[in-house]
Every structure is written in C-alpha cells, then in structure tokens.
Amino acid sequence: MKQYVLLALVVALANTTLFAADSNPKSKLSNATKQLGEKTNYSWTSTSKEADGSTGRLGAMEGKTEKSGLTFLSFTVSDVPVEVYMKGEKGTAKALEGWQSFDDIIQTSPAAAGIVKFLRSHKLPAAESAALADKVNDLKEADGVLSGDLKEEAVKELLMRNARRREGQDAPKIENPKGSVKYWVKDGALTKYEVNVQGKVTAGDRETDVNRTTVVEIKDADATKVEVPAEAKEKMT
C-alpha cells in the first residue's frame, strides 16, 4: 500500500513540475523555438513595414527550409523578383539574368555583394526567434501571447542591419533605440513572431527615423519540400 502511495506522490510531483515549467514564459518559448528547429521542414512568410506603411527596398519574403539546411527564399529588391537556393555558405540566385552562384554575384557590383552578405548571414525563423528570446528584458504572457522589450544593444543591431552607408563612411549612429517582440505559440510550437524596432539612424549626412515592424508567420511544418531546379543546382557554389 505504501508503495502505491509513494508512486502517486511521485507522479503528482512530476506533473506539478511540468506544469510549472510550461507556465514559465521563458521555458514555454524556449521549448517552442526548439520544437520548430527540430521539425523536418517548414515554410514561412516575412513582411516588414514602417509606421507609414512603406516596405522599403526589400519586399515580403517567402521561405522554405529543410532540416538538412537546404533553404529557398523568394523576395523582391526594388521591385525586381529574386529567387535563392542556399545551403551553408553555398548558394545561387536568379534575378534578371538567370541563375548565378553567390561567388559570381559578388564580382558584379558592391550592391550585389551586399545582398549576398545579407543572404549568408540570414537567420532562419527557428534560430532568429530563439536569438531574440535571449535578448528580451522581461518576457511576459497575456492572452496567449508572449512578449517583452528588447535590450538596447539588440535593437541597435537590428537597426544597423538595414542601415545603408557608402564605402568609406563611418558606421551609422543610432539614437533613442527601443524595440519589442511578440510570440504566438500553438500546441507547444512557435507559429508566429513580431518584432518592432524604433530609433534615429544617421549615416553620413542622412538621417532616418525608423519605426519598423516585421512579422514572421510559420506554416506547413513537416509538410514542406524544397526542390532545386537542375540549372540552380549546377550554380550552388
């Protein structure tokens, strides 16, 4: 009889501990981003807008990725459609002139080299959402949404990422940086996150007031397939 009582107490304690972990916003988010990263594959859409509704040079992005690291991206740069396949540092992109390898694109112009640098440093949603979670001051949960303010250095990093500067210019200066992030979790998995960053960016004699919101929505987990066309596969160097 005592053994049954002891077993019941152990089960009750385990359930209580599990509930406490799930009810902790940090633990809940950590488990959600980890679960996304462990998916065999998934797709996502990413849209960025300023407070006035403008989208800037880079339009909405569609993405697909597999656990192997093979990733497809589709977006526009100044209204020019771009398609990308990449895995690690290797990749190929197609805009107006057919498929070209990343290495070939770098040679065409400084602007093109900048795009390749952006692509190679681009974080997938599972990695980006987890990295942002580590830079939140105080994560809270309300009405099913996890949210918090981003640390100042994290906001500066995000503002610098999109700041333009000419060759030879000093690094842009950031004033009054502030930002926040929100996460939506369903059945333990991350389904959406939203990042807002604000501040004044000064690059040379150009000053820009930024109030940008980026929304990333994850879909088709374990039901996404990345198929690379033969012409693109030849250029993935």
C-alpha atoms as a PDB file:
ATOM      1  CA  MET A   1       0.000   0.000   0.000  1.00  0.00           C
ATOM      2  CA  LYS A   2       2.820   2.365   0.898  1.00  0.00           C
ATOM      3  CA  GLN A   3       4.414   1.744  -2.496  1.00  0.00           C
ATOM      4  CA  TYR A   4       1.231   2.827  -4.304  1.00  0.00           C
ATOM      5  CA  VAL A   5       1.014   5.997  -2.202  1.00  0.00           C
ATOM      6  CA  LEU A   6       4.666   6.797  -2.907  1.00  0.00           C
ATOM      7  CA  LEU A   7       4.156   6.209  -6.642  1.00  0.00           C
ATOM      8  CA  ALA A   8       1.127   8.515  -6.668  1.00  0.00           C
ATOM      9  CA  LEU A   9       3.139  11.252  -4.942  1.00  0.00           C
ATOM     10  CA  VAL A  10       5.983  10.927  -7.463  1.00  0.00           C
ATOM     11  CA  VAL A  11       3.557  11.201 -10.416  1.00  0.00           C
ATOM     12  CA  ALA A  12       1.824  14.205  -8.848  1.00  0.00           C
ATOM     13  CA  LEU A  13       5.160  15.928  -8.251  1.00  0.00           C
ATOM     14  CA  ALA A  14       6.282  15.282 -11.837  1.00  0.00           C
ATOM     15  CA  ASN A  15       3.039  16.724 -13.220  1.00  0.00           C
ATOM     16  CA  THR A  16       3.335  19.768 -10.974  1.00  0.00           C
ATOM     17  CA  THR A  17       6.927  20.374 -12.097  1.00  0.00           C
ATOM     18  CA  LEU A  18       5.965  20.002 -15.764  1.00  0.00           C
ATOM     19  CA  PHE A  19       3.067  22.421 -15.377  1.00  0.00           C
ATOM     20  CA  ALA A  20       5.304  24.949 -13.632  1.00  0.00           C
ATOM     21  CA  ALA A  21       7.849  24.738 -16.463  1.00  0.00           C
ATOM     22  CA  ASP A  22       5.168  25.165 -19.122  1.00  0.00           C
ATOM     23  CA  SER A  23       3.640  28.112 -17.291  1.00  0.00           C
ATOM     24  CA  ASN A  24       7.009  29.922 -17.213  1.00  0.00           C
ATOM     25  CA  PRO A  25       7.116  32.217 -20.291  1.00  0.00           C
ATOM     26  CA  LYS A  26      10.862  31.730 -20.848  1.00  0.00           C
ATOM     27  CA  SER A  27      10.597  27.942 -20.669  1.00  0.00           C
ATOM     28  CA  LYS A  28       7.498  27.898 -22.844  1.00  0.00           C
ATOM     29  CA  LEU A  29       9.212  29.994 -25.524  1.00  0.00           C
ATOM     30  CA  SER A  30      12.445  28.017 -25.336  1.00  0.00           C
ATOM     31  CA  ASN A  31      10.529  24.776 -25.872  1.00  0.00           C
ATOM     32  CA  ALA A  32       8.514  26.323 -28.741  1.00  0.00           C
ATOM     33  CA  THR A  33      11.573  27.556 -30.673  1.00  0.00           C
ATOM     34  CA  LYS A  34      13.377  24.269 -30.042  1.00  0.00           C
ATOM     35  CA  GLN A  35      10.379  22.324 -31.344  1.00  0.00           C
ATOM     36  CA  LEU A  36      10.345  24.417 -34.525  1.00  0.00           C
ATOM     37  CA  GLY A  37      14.057  23.824 -35.056  1.00  0.00           C
ATOM     38  CA  GLU A  38      13.524  20.080 -34.752  1.00  0.00           C
ATOM     39  CA  LYS A  39      10.874  19.982 -37.493  1.00  0.00           C
ATOM     40  CA  THR A  40      11.866  18.064 -40.619  1.00  0.00           C
ATOM     41  CA  ASN A  41      10.929  21.119 -42.676  1.00  0.00           C
ATOM     42  CA  TYR A  42       8.702  24.213 -42.633  1.00  0.00           C
ATOM     43  CA  SER A  43       7.716  27.291 -44.640  1.00  0.00           C
ATOM     44  CA  TRP A  44       7.280  30.909 -43.599  1.00  0.00           C
ATOM     45  CA  THR A  45       6.410  34.399 -44.782  1.00  0.00           C
ATOM     46  CA  SER A  46       8.129  37.540 -43.530  1.00  0.00           C
ATOM     47  CA  THR A  47       6.842  41.086 -44.061  1.00  0.00           C
ATOM     48  CA  SER A  48       8.353  44.368 -42.855  1.00  0.00           C
ATOM     49  CA  LYS A  49       6.640  47.738 -42.776  1.00  0.00           C
ATOM     50  CA  GLU A  50       7.415  51.180 -41.451  1.00  0.00           C
ATOM     51  CA  ALA A  51       4.861  53.091 -39.386  1.00  0.00           C
ATOM     52  CA  ASP A  52       3.712  54.919 -42.559  1.00  0.00           C
ATOM     53  CA  GLY A  53       3.012  51.597 -44.328  1.00  0.00           C
ATOM     54  CA  SER A  54       6.048  51.679 -46.625  1.00  0.00           C
ATOM     55  CA  THR A  55       8.022  48.467 -47.155  1.00  0.00           C
ATOM     56  CA  GLY A  56      11.418  49.767 -48.239  1.00  0.00           C
ATOM     57  CA  ARG A  57      13.565  48.128 -50.937  1.00  0.00           C
ATOM     58  CA  LEU A  58      13.092  44.581 -49.711  1.00  0.00           C
ATOM     59  CA  GLY A  59       9.577  43.277 -50.235  1.00  0.00           C
ATOM     60  CA  ALA A  60       7.779  40.428 -48.500  1.00  0.00           C
ATOM     61  CA  MET A  61       9.821  37.240 -48.242  1.00  0.00           C
ATOM     62  CA  GLU A  62       8.629  33.668 -48.750  1.00  0.00           C
ATOM     63  CA  GLY A  63      10.842  30.924 -47.391  1.00  0.00           C
ATOM     64  CA  LYS A  64      11.141  27.137 -47.190  1.00  0.00           C
ATOM     65  CA  THR A  65      13.739  25.114 -45.345  1.00  0.00           C
ATOM     66  CA  GLU A  66      14.639  21.512 -44.595  1.00  0.00           C
ATOM     67  CA  LYS A  67      16.481  20.176 -41.560  1.00  0.00           C
ATOM     68  CA  SER A  68      19.472  19.434 -43.795  1.00  0.00           C
ATOM     69  CA  GLY A  69      19.941  23.200 -44.160  1.00  0.00           C
ATOM     70  CA  LEU A  70      18.714  23.475 -47.749  1.00  0.00           C
ATOM     71  CA  THR A  71      16.708  26.694 -47.976  1.00  0.00           C
ATOM     72  CA  PHE A  72      14.680  28.529 -50.635  1.00  0.00           C
ATOM     73  CA  LEU A  73      13.913  32.265 -50.460  1.00  0.00           C
ATOM     74  CA  SER A  74      11.756  34.426 -52.716  1.00  0.00           C
ATOM     75  CA  PHE A  75      11.556  38.227 -52.392  1.00  0.00           C
ATOM     76  CA  THR A  76      11.907  41.465 -54.357  1.00  0.00           C
ATOM     77  CA  VAL A  77      14.622  44.122 -54.323  1.00  0.00           C
ATOM     78  CA  SER A  78      13.376  47.483 -55.638  1.00  0.00           C
ATOM     79  CA  ASP A  79      10.507  45.598 -57.347  1.00  0.00           C
ATOM     80  CA  VAL A  80      12.883  43.108 -59.036  1.00  0.00           C
ATOM     81  CA  PRO A  81      11.885  39.495 -58.172  1.00  0.00           C
ATOM     82  CA  VAL A  82      14.689  37.366 -56.715  1.00  0.00           C
ATOM     83  CA  GLU A  83      14.810  33.609 -56.057  1.00  0.00           C
ATOM     84  CA  VAL A  84      17.505  31.985 -53.947  1.00  0.00           C
ATOM     85  CA  TYR A  85      18.613  28.455 -53.059  1.00  0.00           C
ATOM     86  CA  MET A  86      21.325  28.043 -50.468  1.00  0.00           C
ATOM     87  CA  LYS A  87      22.905  25.657 -48.007  1.00  0.00           C
ATOM     88  CA  GLY A  88      25.501  26.973 -45.616  1.00  0.00           C
ATOM     89  CA  GLU A  89      27.829  29.388 -47.425  1.00  0.00           C
ATOM     90  CA  LYS A  90      26.959  27.937 -50.835  1.00  0.00           C
ATOM     91  CA  GLY A  91      24.105  29.351 -52.862  1.00  0.00           C
ATOM     92  CA  THR A  92      22.676  30.556 -56.131  1.00  0.00           C
ATOM     93  CA  ALA A  93      20.258  33.347 -57.002  1.00  0.00           C
ATOM     94  CA  LYS A  94      18.196  34.365 -60.018  1.00  0.00           C
ATOM     95  CA  ALA A  95      17.023  37.895 -60.745  1.00  0.00           C
ATOM     96  CA  LEU A  96      17.069  39.350 -64.266  1.00  0.00           C
ATOM     97  CA  GLU A  97      19.906  37.323 -65.812  1.00  0.00           C
ATOM     98  CA  GLY A  98      19.313  33.678 -64.876  1.00  0.00           C
ATOM     99  CA  TRP A  99      20.919  31.617 -62.133  1.00  0.00           C
ATOM    100  CA  GLN A 100      24.296  32.764 -60.809  1.00  0.00           C
ATOM    101  CA  SER A 101      26.397  31.411 -57.954  1.00  0.00           C
ATOM    102  CA  PHE A 102      26.943  33.578 -54.879  1.00  0.00           C
ATOM    103  CA  ASP A 103      30.645  33.811 -55.769  1.00  0.00           C
ATOM    104  CA  ASP A 104      29.832  35.088 -59.266  1.00  0.00           C
ATOM    105  CA  ILE A 105      27.284  37.592 -57.957  1.00  0.00           C
ATOM    106  CA  ILE A 106      29.812  39.097 -55.551  1.00  0.00           C
ATOM    107  CA  GLN A 107      32.007  40.052 -58.507  1.00  0.00           C
ATOM    108  CA  THR A 108      29.301  42.067 -60.303  1.00  0.00           C
ATOM    109  CA  SER A 109      28.946  45.104 -58.012  1.00  0.00           C
ATOM    110  CA  PRO A 110      29.252  46.283 -54.384  1.00  0.00           C
ATOM    111  CA  ALA A 111      25.444  46.347 -54.123  1.00  0.00           C
ATOM    112  CA  ALA A 112      25.196  42.730 -55.305  1.00  0.00           C
ATOM    113  CA  ALA A 113      27.965  41.725 -52.895  1.00  0.00           C
ATOM    114  CA  GLY A 114      25.942  43.359 -50.108  1.00  0.00           C
ATOM    115  CA  ILE A 115      22.907  41.234 -50.972  1.00  0.00           C
ATOM    116  CA  VAL A 116      24.986  38.033 -50.846  1.00  0.00           C
ATOM    117  CA  LYS A 117      26.390  39.100 -47.475  1.00  0.00           C
ATOM    118  CA  PHE A 118      22.823  39.623 -46.256  1.00  0.00           C
ATOM    119  CA  LEU A 119      21.766  36.187 -47.520  1.00  0.00           C
ATOM    120  CA  ARG A 120      24.719  34.376 -45.957  1.00  0.00           C
ATOM    121  CA  SER A 121      24.040  35.990 -42.589  1.00  0.00           C
ATOM    122  CA  HIS A 122      20.267  35.498 -42.810  1.00  0.00           C
ATOM    123  CA  LYS A 123      18.873  33.595 -39.837  1.00  0.00           C
ATOM    124  CA  LEU A 124      16.062  31.100 -40.292  1.00  0.00           C
ATOM    125  CA  PRO A 125      12.960  31.662 -38.116  1.00  0.00           C
ATOM    126  CA  ALA A 126      13.852  28.919 -35.603  1.00  0.00           C
ATOM    127  CA  ALA A 127      17.299  30.426 -34.987  1.00  0.00           C
ATOM    128  CA  GLU A 128      16.214  34.073 -35.159  1.00  0.00           C
ATOM    129  CA  SER A 129      13.276  33.655 -32.769  1.00  0.00           C
ATOM    130  CA  ALA A 130      15.497  31.836 -30.245  1.00  0.00           C
ATOM    131  CA  ALA A 131      18.215  34.506 -30.516  1.00  0.00           C
ATOM    132  CA  LEU A 132      15.685  37.293 -29.961  1.00  0.00           C
ATOM    133  CA  ALA A 133      14.271  35.494 -26.926  1.00  0.00           C
ATOM    134  CA  ASP A 134      17.714  35.691 -25.281  1.00  0.00           C
ATOM    135  CA  LYS A 135      17.696  39.477 -25.775  1.00  0.00           C
ATOM    136  CA  VAL A 136      14.367  40.227 -24.084  1.00  0.00           C
ATOM    137  CA  ASN A 137      14.486  42.071 -20.748  1.00  0.00           C
ATOM    138  CA  ASP A 138      11.327  40.623 -19.200  1.00  0.00           C
ATOM    139  CA  LEU A 139       9.208  38.120 -21.087  1.00  0.00           C
ATOM    140  CA  LYS A 140       5.540  38.036 -20.078  1.00  0.00           C
ATOM    141  CA  GLU A 141       2.431  36.173 -21.211  1.00  0.00           C
ATOM    142  CA  ALA A 142      -1.031  37.683 -21.677  1.00  0.00           C
ATOM    143  CA  ASP A 143      -3.990  36.483 -23.743  1.00  0.00           C
ATOM    144  CA  GLY A 144      -1.904  33.671 -25.203  1.00  0.00           C
ATOM    145  CA  VAL A 145       0.862  35.998 -26.457  1.00  0.00           C
ATOM    146  CA  LEU A 146       4.419  36.038 -25.097  1.00  0.00           C
ATOM    147  CA  SER A 147       6.001  39.494 -25.278  1.00  0.00           C
ATOM    148  CA  GLY A 148       8.747  41.709 -23.917  1.00  0.00           C
ATOM    149  CA  ASP A 149      11.014  44.668 -24.594  1.00  0.00           C
ATOM    150  CA  LEU A 150      14.300  44.067 -26.382  1.00  0.00           C
ATOM    151  CA  LYS A 151      17.599  45.079 -24.842  1.00  0.00           C
ATOM    152  CA  GLU A 152      19.114  48.272 -26.252  1.00  0.00           C
ATOM    153  CA  GLU A 153      22.092  46.536 -27.888  1.00  0.00           C
ATOM    154  CA  ALA A 154      19.758  44.097 -29.649  1.00  0.00           C
ATOM    155  CA  VAL A 155      17.721  46.984 -31.070  1.00  0.00           C
ATOM    156  CA  LYS A 156      20.871  48.750 -32.286  1.00  0.00           C
ATOM    157  CA  GLU A 157      21.993  45.572 -34.018  1.00  0.00           C
ATOM    158  CA  LEU A 158      18.657  45.240 -35.839  1.00  0.00           C
ATOM    159  CA  LEU A 159      18.659  48.909 -36.878  1.00  0.00           C
ATOM    160  CA  MET A 160      22.241  48.649 -38.157  1.00  0.00           C
ATOM    161  CA  ARG A 161      21.354  45.585 -40.221  1.00  0.00           C
ATOM    162  CA  ASN A 162      19.253  47.642 -42.642  1.00  0.00           C
ATOM    163  CA  ALA A 163      21.231  50.885 -42.467  1.00  0.00           C
ATOM    164  CA  ARG A 164      22.801  51.977 -45.751  1.00  0.00           C
ATOM    165  CA  ARG A 165      26.230  53.584 -45.914  1.00  0.00           C
ATOM    166  CA  ARG A 166      28.646  54.460 -48.665  1.00  0.00           C
ATOM    167  CA  GLU A 167      32.083  52.927 -48.887  1.00  0.00           C
ATOM    168  CA  GLY A 168      34.480  54.750 -46.573  1.00  0.00           C
ATOM    169  CA  GLN A 169      31.747  56.211 -44.367  1.00  0.00           C
ATOM    170  CA  ASP A 170      31.842  55.799 -40.620  1.00  0.00           C
ATOM    171  CA  ALA A 171      29.466  53.276 -39.088  1.00  0.00           C
ATOM    172  CA  PRO A 172      25.904  54.663 -38.743  1.00  0.00           C
ATOM    173  CA  LYS A 173      24.972  56.255 -35.415  1.00  0.00           C
ATOM    174  CA  ILE A 174      21.864  55.132 -33.545  1.00  0.00           C
ATOM    175  CA  GLU A 175      19.826  57.396 -31.260  1.00  0.00           C
ATOM    176  CA  ASN A 176      16.869  56.585 -28.998  1.00  0.00           C
ATOM    177  CA  PRO A 177      16.758  52.853 -29.782  1.00  0.00           C
ATOM    178  CA  LYS A 178      13.840  50.854 -28.447  1.00  0.00           C
ATOM    179  CA  GLY A 179      12.087  47.700 -29.518  1.00  0.00           C
ATOM    180  CA  SER A 180       9.838  44.829 -28.571  1.00  0.00           C
ATOM    181  CA  VAL A 181       8.997  41.286 -29.655  1.00  0.00           C
ATOM    182  CA  LYS A 182       5.847  39.140 -29.526  1.00  0.00           C
ATOM    183  CA  TYR A 183       5.465  35.376 -29.950  1.00  0.00           C
ATOM    184  CA  TRP A 184       2.452  33.175 -30.716  1.00  0.00           C
ATOM    185  CA  VAL A 185       2.610  29.504 -29.680  1.00  0.00           C
ATOM    186  CA  LYS A 186       0.110  26.772 -30.598  1.00  0.00           C
ATOM    187  CA  ASP A 187       0.243  23.187 -29.348  1.00  0.00           C
ATOM    188  CA  GLY A 188       3.708  23.883 -27.986  1.00  0.00           C
ATOM    189  CA  ALA A 189       5.166  25.059 -31.319  1.00  0.00           C
ATOM    190  CA  LEU A 190       6.007  28.577 -32.475  1.00  0.00           C
ATOM    191  CA  THR A 191       3.618  29.737 -35.213  1.00  0.00           C
ATOM    192  CA  LYS A 192       4.325  33.475 -35.467  1.00  0.00           C
ATOM    193  CA  TYR A 193       6.505  36.257 -34.086  1.00  0.00           C
ATOM    194  CA  GLU A 194       6.587  40.024 -34.494  1.00  0.00           C
ATOM    195  CA  VAL A 195       9.497  42.412 -33.963  1.00  0.00           C
ATOM    196  CA  ASN A 196       9.259  46.199 -33.690  1.00  0.00           C
ATOM    197  CA  VAL A 197      12.343  48.435 -33.672  1.00  0.00           C
ATOM    198  CA  GLN A 198      12.487  52.212 -33.433  1.00  0.00           C
ATOM    199  CA  GLY A 199      15.230  54.827 -33.448  1.00  0.00           C
ATOM    200  CA  LYS A 200      17.044  57.519 -35.422  1.00  0.00           C
ATOM    201  CA  VAL A 201      19.755  56.224 -37.780  1.00  0.00           C
ATOM    202  CA  THR A 202      22.392  58.671 -39.024  1.00  0.00           C
ATOM    203  CA  ALA A 203      24.639  57.525 -41.884  1.00  0.00           C
ATOM    204  CA  GLY A 204      26.866  60.302 -43.203  1.00  0.00           C
ATOM    205  CA  ASP A 205      24.594  63.327 -43.698  1.00  0.00           C
ATOM    206  CA  ARG A 206      21.477  61.173 -43.985  1.00  0.00           C
ATOM    207  CA  GLU A 207      19.117  60.914 -41.002  1.00  0.00           C
ATOM    208  CA  THR A 208      16.296  58.358 -40.956  1.00  0.00           C
ATOM    209  CA  ASP A 209      13.604  57.890 -38.326  1.00  0.00           C
ATOM    210  CA  VAL A 210      12.822  54.179 -38.178  1.00  0.00           C
ATOM    211  CA  ASN A 211       9.689  52.557 -36.776  1.00  0.00           C
ATOM    212  CA  ARG A 212       9.719  49.143 -38.437  1.00  0.00           C
ATOM    213  CA  THR A 213       7.577  46.106 -37.651  1.00  0.00           C
ATOM    214  CA  THR A 214       8.497  42.685 -39.035  1.00  0.00           C
ATOM    215  CA  VAL A 215       6.015  39.799 -38.863  1.00  0.00           C
ATOM    216  CA  VAL A 216       7.101  36.202 -39.472  1.00  0.00           C
ATOM    217  CA  GLU A 217       4.425  33.522 -39.856  1.00  0.00           C
ATOM    218  CA  ILE A 218       5.401  29.840 -39.854  1.00  0.00           C
ATOM    219  CA  LYS A 219       3.363  27.275 -41.771  1.00  0.00           C
ATOM    220  CA  ASP A 220       3.378  23.775 -43.320  1.00  0.00           C
ATOM    221  CA  ALA A 221       5.668  22.251 -40.687  1.00  0.00           C
ATOM    222  CA  ASP A 222       6.667  18.714 -41.713  1.00  0.00           C
ATOM    223  CA  ALA A 223       4.762  19.242 -44.983  1.00  0.00           C
ATOM    224  CA  THR A 224       7.238  21.416 -46.926  1.00  0.00           C
ATOM    225  CA  LYS A 225       9.558  20.278 -49.704  1.00  0.00           C
ATOM    226  CA  VAL A 226      12.445  22.218 -51.232  1.00  0.00           C
ATOM    227  CA  GLU A 227      13.050  21.181 -54.848  1.00  0.00           C
ATOM    228  CA  VAL A 228      16.068  22.708 -56.588  1.00  0.00           C
ATOM    229  CA  PRO A 229      15.866  23.108 -60.402  1.00  0.00           C
ATOM    230  CA  ALA A 230      18.728  21.486 -62.308  1.00  0.00           C
ATOM    231  CA  GLU A 231      20.045  24.871 -63.548  1.00  0.00           C
ATOM    232  CA  ALA A 232      20.131  26.211 -59.989  1.00  0.00           C
ATOM    233  CA  LYS A 233      21.799  23.063 -58.600  1.00  0.00           C
ATOM    234  CA  GLU A 234      24.674  23.496 -61.053  1.00  0.00           C
ATOM    235  CA  LYS A 235      25.351  27.003 -59.720  1.00  0.00           C
ATOM    236  CA  MET A 236      25.254  26.262 -55.980  1.00  0.00           C
ATOM    237  CA  THR A 237      28.880  27.070 -55.187  1.00  0.00           C
END
